[in-house]
Amino acid sequence: MVDLTDLMDDEVFRAFASYATIIISKMMLMSATTAFYRMTRKVFANPEDCATLGKGENAKKYLRTDDRVERVRRIKKTLSSLASFIY
């Protein structure tokens, strides 16, 4: 059985742990960034998200797409697929 101190001294494991930490941190940051852009630009994906801003026809004007929100969302989606690399 491998001792934990031996594992921490392994250069390959340290590189893997570093890259995994960077990917997980960026994925979490991109979730917050997506929420920030959605709230500041008032761009929502479904009616439940914009229910606090209005009801009926008034809420439908917030159901749209925005280039910046979509760009951040695509980056997050790409990072989510990299999570399989970690596991």
PDB file of N, CA and C in Angstrom:
ATOM      1  N   MET A   1       0.845  -1.169   0.000  1.00  0.00           N
ATOM      2  CA  MET A   1       0.000   0.000   0.000  1.00  0.00           C
ATOM      3  C   MET A   1       0.896   1.240   0.000  1.00  0.00           C
ATOM      4  N   VAL A   2       0.481   2.274  -0.714  1.00  0.00           N
ATOM      5  CA  VAL A   2       1.267   3.495  -0.856  1.00  0.00           C
ATOM      6  C   VAL A   2       1.041   4.392   0.353  1.00  0.00           C
ATOM      7  N   ASP A   3       2.131   4.868   0.894  1.00  0.00           N
ATOM      8  CA  ASP A   3       2.049   5.789   2.027  1.00  0.00           C
ATOM      9  C   ASP A   3       1.679   7.181   1.495  1.00  0.00           C
ATOM     10  N   LEU A   4       0.925   7.950   2.250  1.00  0.00           N
ATOM     11  CA  LEU A   4       0.462   9.263   1.822  1.00  0.00           C
ATOM     12  C   LEU A   4       1.621  10.224   1.586  1.00  0.00           C
ATOM     13  N   THR A   5       2.654  10.126   2.388  1.00  0.00           N
ATOM     14  CA  THR A   5       3.810  11.013   2.188  1.00  0.00           C
ATOM     15  C   THR A   5       4.532  10.690   0.882  1.00  0.00           C
ATOM     16  N   ASP A   6       4.567   9.411   0.511  1.00  0.00           N
ATOM     17  CA  ASP A   6       5.166   9.036  -0.771  1.00  0.00           C
ATOM     18  C   ASP A   6       4.350   9.589  -1.929  1.00  0.00           C
ATOM     19  N   LEU A   7       3.053   9.580  -1.777  1.00  0.00           N
ATOM     20  CA  LEU A   7       2.168  10.092  -2.822  1.00  0.00           C
ATOM     21  C   LEU A   7       2.341  11.601  -3.000  1.00  0.00           C
ATOM     22  N   MET A   8       2.502  12.312  -1.896  1.00  0.00           N
ATOM     23  CA  MET A   8       2.678  13.763  -1.962  1.00  0.00           C
ATOM     24  C   MET A   8       4.038  14.148  -2.558  1.00  0.00           C
ATOM     25  N   ASP A   9       5.002  13.281  -2.471  1.00  0.00           N
ATOM     26  CA  ASP A   9       6.319  13.555  -3.044  1.00  0.00           C
ATOM     27  C   ASP A   9       6.375  13.264  -4.542  1.00  0.00           C
ATOM     28  N   ASP A  10       5.392  12.555  -5.052  1.00  0.00           N
ATOM     29  CA  ASP A  10       5.355  12.192  -6.465  1.00  0.00           C
ATOM     30  C   ASP A  10       5.055  13.427  -7.317  1.00  0.00           C
ATOM     31  N   GLU A  11       5.899  13.701  -8.283  1.00  0.00           N
ATOM     32  CA  GLU A  11       5.761  14.888  -9.126  1.00  0.00           C
ATOM     33  C   GLU A  11       4.492  14.834  -9.982  1.00  0.00           C
ATOM     34  N   VAL A  12       4.149  13.667 -10.464  1.00  0.00           N
ATOM     35  CA  VAL A  12       2.956  13.511 -11.300  1.00  0.00           C
ATOM     36  C   VAL A  12       1.694  13.789 -10.484  1.00  0.00           C
ATOM     37  N   PHE A  13       1.644  13.276  -9.269  1.00  0.00           N
ATOM     38  CA  PHE A  13       0.472  13.524  -8.426  1.00  0.00           C
ATOM     39  C   PHE A  13       0.336  15.004  -8.094  1.00  0.00           C
ATOM     40  N   ARG A  14       1.440  15.667  -7.812  1.00  0.00           N
ATOM     41  CA  ARG A  14       1.383  17.102  -7.493  1.00  0.00           C
ATOM     42  C   ARG A  14       0.894  17.902  -8.694  1.00  0.00           C
ATOM     43  N   ALA A  15       1.329  17.530  -9.885  1.00  0.00           N
ATOM     44  CA  ALA A  15       0.852  18.216 -11.091  1.00  0.00           C
ATOM     45  C   ALA A  15      -0.641  17.975 -11.281  1.00  0.00           C
ATOM     46  N   PHE A  16      -1.072  16.735 -11.117  1.00  0.00           N
ATOM     47  CA  PHE A  16      -2.500  16.410 -11.248  1.00  0.00           C
ATOM     48  C   PHE A  16      -3.325  17.186 -10.228  1.00  0.00           C
ATOM     49  N   ALA A  17      -2.878  17.227  -8.988  1.00  0.00           N
ATOM     50  CA  ALA A  17      -3.609  17.940  -7.944  1.00  0.00           C
ATOM     51  C   ALA A  17      -3.673  19.441  -8.242  1.00  0.00           C
ATOM     52  N   SER A  18      -2.604  19.990  -8.763  1.00  0.00           N
ATOM     53  CA  SER A  18      -2.589  21.414  -9.112  1.00  0.00           C
ATOM     54  C   SER A  18      -3.578  21.712 -10.230  1.00  0.00           C
ATOM     55  N   TYR A  19      -3.550  20.923 -11.292  1.00  0.00           N
ATOM     56  CA  TYR A  19      -4.447  21.154 -12.422  1.00  0.00           C
ATOM     57  C   TYR A  19      -5.903  20.930 -12.022  1.00  0.00           C
ATOM     58  N   ALA A  20      -6.150  19.912 -11.225  1.00  0.00           N
ATOM     59  CA  ALA A  20      -7.516  19.648 -10.766  1.00  0.00           C
ATOM     60  C   ALA A  20      -8.042  20.802  -9.913  1.00  0.00           C
ATOM     61  N   THR A  21      -7.198  21.357  -9.077  1.00  0.00           N
ATOM     62  CA  THR A  21      -7.595  22.499  -8.247  1.00  0.00           C
ATOM     63  C   THR A  21      -7.910  23.717  -9.104  1.00  0.00           C
ATOM     64  N   ILE A  22      -7.112  23.950 -10.113  1.00  0.00           N
ATOM     65  CA  ILE A  22      -7.359  25.084 -11.016  1.00  0.00           C
ATOM     66  C   ILE A  22      -8.677  24.903 -11.756  1.00  0.00           C
ATOM     67  N   ILE A  23      -8.931  23.711 -12.271  1.00  0.00           N
ATOM     68  CA  ILE A  23     -10.165  23.458 -13.024  1.00  0.00           C
ATOM     69  C   ILE A  23     -11.389  23.598 -12.130  1.00  0.00           C
ATOM     70  N   ILE A  24     -11.345  23.037 -10.948  1.00  0.00           N
ATOM     71  CA  ILE A  24     -12.497  23.113 -10.032  1.00  0.00           C
ATOM     72  C   ILE A  24     -12.735  24.557  -9.602  1.00  0.00           C
ATOM     73  N   SER A  25     -11.679  25.282  -9.297  1.00  0.00           N
ATOM     74  CA  SER A  25     -11.824  26.686  -8.893  1.00  0.00           C
ATOM     75  C   SER A  25     -12.419  27.525 -10.013  1.00  0.00           C
ATOM     76  N   LYS A  26     -11.944  27.324 -11.225  1.00  0.00           N
ATOM     77  CA  LYS A  26     -12.461  28.094 -12.353  1.00  0.00           C
ATOM     78  C   LYS A  26     -13.912  27.734 -12.644  1.00  0.00           C
ATOM     79  N   MET A  27     -14.266  26.462 -12.518  1.00  0.00           N
ATOM     80  CA  MET A  27     -15.646  26.052 -12.751  1.00  0.00           C
ATOM     81  C   MET A  27     -16.580  26.705 -11.733  1.00  0.00           C
ATOM     82  N   MET A  28     -16.157  26.777 -10.478  1.00  0.00           N
ATOM     83  CA  MET A  28     -16.976  27.424  -9.452  1.00  0.00           C
ATOM     84  C   MET A  28     -17.057  28.925  -9.698  1.00  0.00           C
ATOM     85  N   LEU A  29     -15.982  29.542 -10.115  1.00  0.00           N
ATOM     86  CA  LEU A  29     -15.991  30.963 -10.416  1.00  0.00           C
ATOM     87  C   LEU A  29     -16.895  31.272 -11.607  1.00  0.00           C
ATOM     88  N   MET A  30     -16.900  30.412 -12.599  1.00  0.00           N
ATOM     89  CA  MET A  30     -17.734  30.651 -13.771  1.00  0.00           C
ATOM     90  C   MET A  30     -19.224  30.531 -13.443  1.00  0.00           C
ATOM     91  N   SER A  31     -19.587  29.720 -12.475  1.00  0.00           N
ATOM     92  CA  SER A  31     -20.984  29.656 -12.049  1.00  0.00           C
ATOM     93  C   SER A  31     -21.418  30.988 -11.454  1.00  0.00           C
ATOM     94  N   ALA A  32     -20.577  31.556 -10.624  1.00  0.00           N
ATOM     95  CA  ALA A  32     -20.886  32.861 -10.035  1.00  0.00           C
ATOM     96  C   ALA A  32     -20.903  33.947 -11.105  1.00  0.00           C
ATOM     97  N   THR A  33     -20.011  33.862 -12.074  1.00  0.00           N
ATOM     98  CA  THR A  33     -19.968  34.846 -13.153  1.00  0.00           C
ATOM     99  C   THR A  33     -21.220  34.771 -14.015  1.00  0.00           C
ATOM    100  N   THR A  34     -21.681  33.560 -14.302  1.00  0.00           N
ATOM    101  CA  THR A  34     -22.917  33.404 -15.071  1.00  0.00           C
ATOM    102  C   THR A  34     -24.087  34.026 -14.330  1.00  0.00           C
ATOM    103  N   ALA A  35     -24.194  33.771 -13.047  1.00  0.00           N
ATOM    104  CA  ALA A  35     -25.281  34.349 -12.247  1.00  0.00           C
ATOM    105  C   ALA A  35     -25.179  35.872 -12.223  1.00  0.00           C
ATOM    106  N   PHE A  36     -23.974  36.399 -12.105  1.00  0.00           N
ATOM    107  CA  PHE A  36     -23.775  37.845 -12.098  1.00  0.00           C
ATOM    108  C   PHE A  36     -24.262  38.468 -13.404  1.00  0.00           C
ATOM    109  N   TYR A  37     -23.850  37.901 -14.539  1.00  0.00           N
ATOM    110  CA  TYR A  37     -24.271  38.451 -15.826  1.00  0.00           C
ATOM    111  C   TYR A  37     -25.782  38.324 -16.022  1.00  0.00           C
ATOM    112  N   ARG A  38     -26.353  37.220 -15.602  1.00  0.00           N
ATOM    113  CA  ARG A  38     -27.812  37.067 -15.738  1.00  0.00           C
ATOM    114  C   ARG A  38     -28.557  38.112 -14.912  1.00  0.00           C
ATOM    115  N   MET A  39     -28.097  38.367 -13.698  1.00  0.00           N
ATOM    116  CA  MET A  39     -28.791  39.326 -12.836  1.00  0.00           C
ATOM    117  C   MET A  39     -28.575  40.770 -13.284  1.00  0.00           C
ATOM    118  N   THR A  40     -27.359  41.134 -13.669  1.00  0.00           N
ATOM    119  CA  THR A  40     -27.106  42.518 -14.052  1.00  0.00           C
ATOM    120  C   THR A  40     -27.718  42.866 -15.400  1.00  0.00           C
ATOM    121  N   ARG A  41     -27.789  41.918 -16.297  1.00  0.00           N
ATOM    122  CA  ARG A  41     -28.368  42.170 -17.615  1.00  0.00           C
ATOM    123  C   ARG A  41     -29.850  41.793 -17.694  1.00  0.00           C
ATOM    124  N   LYS A  42     -30.357  41.192 -16.620  1.00  0.00           N
ATOM    125  CA  LYS A  42     -31.761  40.746 -16.559  1.00  0.00           C
ATOM    126  C   LYS A  42     -32.109  39.864 -17.756  1.00  0.00           C
ATOM    127  N   VAL A  43     -31.292  38.830 -17.928  1.00  0.00           N
ATOM    128  CA  VAL A  43     -31.475  37.849 -18.990  1.00  0.00           C
ATOM    129  C   VAL A  43     -31.639  36.496 -18.320  1.00  0.00           C
ATOM    130  N   PHE A  44     -32.782  35.859 -18.525  1.00  0.00           N
ATOM    131  CA  PHE A  44     -33.064  34.604 -17.841  1.00  0.00           C
ATOM    132  C   PHE A  44     -33.445  33.520 -18.841  1.00  0.00           C
ATOM    133  N   ALA A  45     -33.260  32.272 -18.430  1.00  0.00           N
ATOM    134  CA  ALA A  45     -33.485  31.142 -19.321  1.00  0.00           C
ATOM    135  C   ALA A  45     -34.896  30.582 -19.238  1.00  0.00           C
ATOM    136  N   ASN A  46     -35.571  30.733 -18.103  1.00  0.00           N
ATOM    137  CA  ASN A  46     -36.920  30.190 -17.969  1.00  0.00           C
ATOM    138  C   ASN A  46     -37.787  31.123 -17.128  1.00  0.00           C
ATOM    139  N   PRO A  47     -39.108  30.968 -17.203  1.00  0.00           N
ATOM    140  CA  PRO A  47     -40.021  31.885 -16.499  1.00  0.00           C
ATOM    141  C   PRO A  47     -39.879  31.862 -14.978  1.00  0.00           C
ATOM    142  N   GLU A  48     -39.469  30.752 -14.414  1.00  0.00           N
ATOM    143  CA  GLU A  48     -39.323  30.673 -12.959  1.00  0.00           C
ATOM    144  C   GLU A  48     -38.222  31.605 -12.456  1.00  0.00           C
ATOM    145  N   ASP A  49     -37.192  31.786 -13.261  1.00  0.00           N
ATOM    146  CA  ASP A  49     -36.084  32.645 -12.852  1.00  0.00           C
ATOM    147  C   ASP A  49     -36.472  34.120 -12.826  1.00  0.00           C
ATOM    148  N   CYS A  50     -37.344  34.524 -13.723  1.00  0.00           N
ATOM    149  CA  CYS A  50     -37.708  35.943 -13.793  1.00  0.00           C
ATOM    150  C   CYS A  50     -39.035  36.242 -13.098  1.00  0.00           C
ATOM    151  N   ALA A  51     -39.527  35.346 -12.297  1.00  0.00           N
ATOM    152  CA  ALA A  51     -40.811  35.546 -11.617  1.00  0.00           C
ATOM    153  C   ALA A  51     -40.759  36.712 -10.630  1.00  0.00           C
ATOM    154  N   THR A  52     -39.598  37.000 -10.064  1.00  0.00           N
ATOM    155  CA  THR A  52     -39.506  38.102  -9.105  1.00  0.00           C
ATOM    156  C   THR A  52     -39.534  39.465  -9.790  1.00  0.00           C
ATOM    157  N   LEU A  53     -39.250  39.508 -11.089  1.00  0.00           N
ATOM    158  CA  LEU A  53     -39.212  40.777 -11.810  1.00  0.00           C
ATOM    159  C   LEU A  53     -40.563  41.177 -12.394  1.00  0.00           C
ATOM    160  N   GLY A  54     -41.477  40.253 -12.481  1.00  0.00           N
ATOM    161  CA  GLY A  54     -42.789  40.562 -13.038  1.00  0.00           C
ATOM    162  C   GLY A  54     -43.570  39.301 -13.309  1.00  0.00           C
ATOM    163  N   LYS A  55     -44.828  39.479 -13.659  1.00  0.00           N
ATOM    164  CA  LYS A  55     -45.685  38.331 -13.962  1.00  0.00           C
ATOM    165  C   LYS A  55     -46.308  38.529 -15.338  1.00  0.00           C
ATOM    166  N   GLY A  56     -46.638  37.421 -15.946  1.00  0.00           N
ATOM    167  CA  GLY A  56     -47.325  37.457 -17.232  1.00  0.00           C
ATOM    168  C   GLY A  56     -46.463  38.019 -18.344  1.00  0.00           C
ATOM    169  N   GLU A  57     -47.045  38.962 -19.083  1.00  0.00           N
ATOM    170  CA  GLU A  57     -46.344  39.560 -20.222  1.00  0.00           C
ATOM    171  C   GLU A  57     -45.115  40.356 -19.795  1.00  0.00           C
ATOM    172  N   ASN A  58     -45.164  40.931 -18.620  1.00  0.00           N
ATOM    173  CA  ASN A  58     -44.024  41.706 -18.136  1.00  0.00           C
ATOM    174  C   ASN A  58     -42.802  40.820 -17.913  1.00  0.00           C
ATOM    175  N   ALA A  59     -43.014  39.596 -17.474  1.00  0.00           N
ATOM    176  CA  ALA A  59     -41.903  38.672 -17.224  1.00  0.00           C
ATOM    177  C   ALA A  59     -41.320  38.133 -18.527  1.00  0.00           C
ATOM    178  N   LYS A  60     -42.132  38.066 -19.576  1.00  0.00           N
ATOM    179  CA  LYS A  60     -41.647  37.495 -20.840  1.00  0.00           C
ATOM    180  C   LYS A  60     -40.554  38.333 -21.491  1.00  0.00           C
ATOM    181  N   LYS A  61     -40.487  39.620 -21.189  1.00  0.00           N
ATOM    182  CA  LYS A  61     -39.449  40.436 -21.814  1.00  0.00           C
ATOM    183  C   LYS A  61     -38.064  40.116 -21.273  1.00  0.00           C
ATOM    184  N   TYR A  62     -37.996  39.423 -20.140  1.00  0.00           N
ATOM    185  CA  TYR A  62     -36.705  39.022 -19.572  1.00  0.00           C
ATOM    186  C   TYR A  62     -36.256  37.647 -20.073  1.00  0.00           C
ATOM    187  N   LEU A  63     -37.104  36.965 -20.812  1.00  0.00           N
ATOM    188  CA  LEU A  63     -36.746  35.662 -21.371  1.00  0.00           C
ATOM    189  C   LEU A  63     -36.110  35.877 -22.740  1.00  0.00           C
ATOM    190  N   ARG A  64     -34.834  36.125 -22.738  1.00  0.00           N
ATOM    191  CA  ARG A  64     -34.118  36.381 -23.980  1.00  0.00           C
ATOM    192  C   ARG A  64     -32.686  35.890 -23.838  1.00  0.00           C
ATOM    193  N   THR A  65     -31.940  36.004 -24.899  1.00  0.00           N
ATOM    194  CA  THR A  65     -30.529  35.621 -24.851  1.00  0.00           C
ATOM    195  C   THR A  65     -29.671  36.869 -24.983  1.00  0.00           C
ATOM    196  N   ASP A  66     -28.504  36.806 -24.408  1.00  0.00           N
ATOM    197  CA  ASP A  66     -27.537  37.891 -24.465  1.00  0.00           C
ATOM    198  C   ASP A  66     -26.189  37.278 -24.820  1.00  0.00           C
ATOM    199  N   ASP A  67     -25.438  37.953 -25.659  1.00  0.00           N
ATOM    200  CA  ASP A  67     -24.165  37.398 -26.127  1.00  0.00           C
ATOM    201  C   ASP A  67     -23.177  37.141 -24.989  1.00  0.00           C
ATOM    202  N   ARG A  68     -23.087  38.054 -24.058  1.00  0.00           N
ATOM    203  CA  ARG A  68     -22.121  37.882 -22.962  1.00  0.00           C
ATOM    204  C   ARG A  68     -22.523  36.750 -22.027  1.00  0.00           C
ATOM    205  N   VAL A  69     -23.807  36.648 -21.746  1.00  0.00           N
ATOM    206  CA  VAL A  69     -24.281  35.563 -20.879  1.00  0.00           C
ATOM    207  C   VAL A  69     -24.043  34.216 -21.552  1.00  0.00           C
ATOM    208  N   GLU A  70     -24.330  34.141 -22.839  1.00  0.00           N
ATOM    209  CA  GLU A  70     -24.137  32.881 -23.561  1.00  0.00           C
ATOM    210  C   GLU A  70     -22.662  32.504 -23.648  1.00  0.00           C
ATOM    211  N   ARG A  71     -21.803  33.488 -23.783  1.00  0.00           N
ATOM    212  CA  ARG A  71     -20.370  33.200 -23.840  1.00  0.00           C
ATOM    213  C   ARG A  71     -19.876  32.602 -22.522  1.00  0.00           C
ATOM    214  N   VAL A  72     -20.272  33.204 -21.416  1.00  0.00           N
ATOM    215  CA  VAL A  72     -19.874  32.694 -20.103  1.00  0.00           C
ATOM    216  C   VAL A  72     -20.471  31.311 -19.871  1.00  0.00           C
ATOM    217  N   ARG A  73     -21.719  31.120 -20.288  1.00  0.00           N
ATOM    218  CA  ARG A  73     -22.374  29.826 -20.113  1.00  0.00           C
ATOM    219  C   ARG A  73     -21.672  28.730 -20.912  1.00  0.00           C
ATOM    220  N   ARG A  74     -21.232  29.044 -22.130  1.00  0.00           N
ATOM    221  CA  ARG A  74     -20.510  28.053 -22.941  1.00  0.00           C
ATOM    222  C   ARG A  74     -19.167  27.692 -22.320  1.00  0.00           C
ATOM    223  N   ILE A  75     -18.471  28.681 -21.770  1.00  0.00           N
ATOM    224  CA  ILE A  75     -17.186  28.410 -21.109  1.00  0.00           C
ATOM    225  C   ILE A  75     -17.407  27.487 -19.920  1.00  0.00           C
ATOM    226  N   LYS A  76     -18.455  27.760 -19.154  1.00  0.00           N
ATOM    227  CA  LYS A  76     -18.763  26.921 -17.993  1.00  0.00           C
ATOM    228  C   LYS A  76     -19.094  25.493 -18.428  1.00  0.00           C
ATOM    229  N   LYS A  77     -19.832  25.375 -19.514  1.00  0.00           N
ATOM    230  CA  LYS A  77     -20.209  24.049 -20.020  1.00  0.00           C
ATOM    231  C   LYS A  77     -18.969  23.264 -20.445  1.00  0.00           C
ATOM    232  N   THR A  78     -18.023  23.948 -21.073  1.00  0.00           N
ATOM    233  CA  THR A  78     -16.775  23.303 -21.478  1.00  0.00           C
ATOM    234  C   THR A  78     -15.984  22.839 -20.264  1.00  0.00           C
ATOM    235  N   LEU A  79     -15.932  23.672 -19.235  1.00  0.00           N
ATOM    236  CA  LEU A  79     -15.214  23.294 -18.018  1.00  0.00           C
ATOM    237  C   LEU A  79     -15.888  22.131 -17.307  1.00  0.00           C
ATOM    238  N   SER A  80     -17.209  22.066 -17.392  1.00  0.00           N
ATOM    239  CA  SER A  80     -17.923  20.960 -16.745  1.00  0.00           C
ATOM    240  C   SER A  80     -17.559  19.626 -17.378  1.00  0.00           C
ATOM    241  N   SER A  81     -17.309  19.639 -18.675  1.00  0.00           N
ATOM    242  CA  SER A  81     -16.918  18.390 -19.314  1.00  0.00           C
ATOM    243  C   SER A  81     -15.510  17.970 -18.902  1.00  0.00           C
ATOM    244  N   LEU A  82     -14.707  18.900 -18.453  1.00  0.00           N
ATOM    245  CA  LEU A  82     -13.363  18.556 -17.984  1.00  0.00           C
ATOM    246  C   LEU A  82     -13.376  17.912 -16.597  1.00  0.00           C
ATOM    247  N   ALA A  83     -14.491  17.976 -15.913  1.00  0.00           N
ATOM    248  CA  ALA A  83     -14.574  17.344 -14.596  1.00  0.00           C
ATOM    249  C   ALA A  83     -14.384  15.834 -14.679  1.00  0.00           C
ATOM    250  N   SER A  84     -14.740  15.237 -15.803  1.00  0.00           N
ATOM    251  CA  SER A  84     -14.518  13.796 -15.971  1.00  0.00           C
ATOM    252  C   SER A  84     -13.031  13.469 -15.966  1.00  0.00           C
ATOM    253  N   PHE A  85     -12.201  14.427 -16.348  1.00  0.00           N
ATOM    254  CA  PHE A  85     -10.750  14.253 -16.293  1.00  0.00           C
ATOM    255  C   PHE A  85     -10.287  14.021 -14.852  1.00  0.00           C
ATOM    256  N   ILE A  86     -10.936  14.715 -13.918  1.00  0.00           N
ATOM    257  CA  ILE A  86     -10.522  14.644 -12.516  1.00  0.00           C
ATOM    258  C   ILE A  86     -10.903  13.300 -11.908  1.00  0.00           C
ATOM    259  N   TYR A  87     -12.070  12.806 -12.270  1.00  0.00           N
ATOM    260  CA  TYR A  87     -12.552  11.584 -11.635  1.00  0.00           C
ATOM    261  C   TYR A  87     -12.179  10.398 -12.477  1.00  0.00           C
TER     262      TYR A  87
END
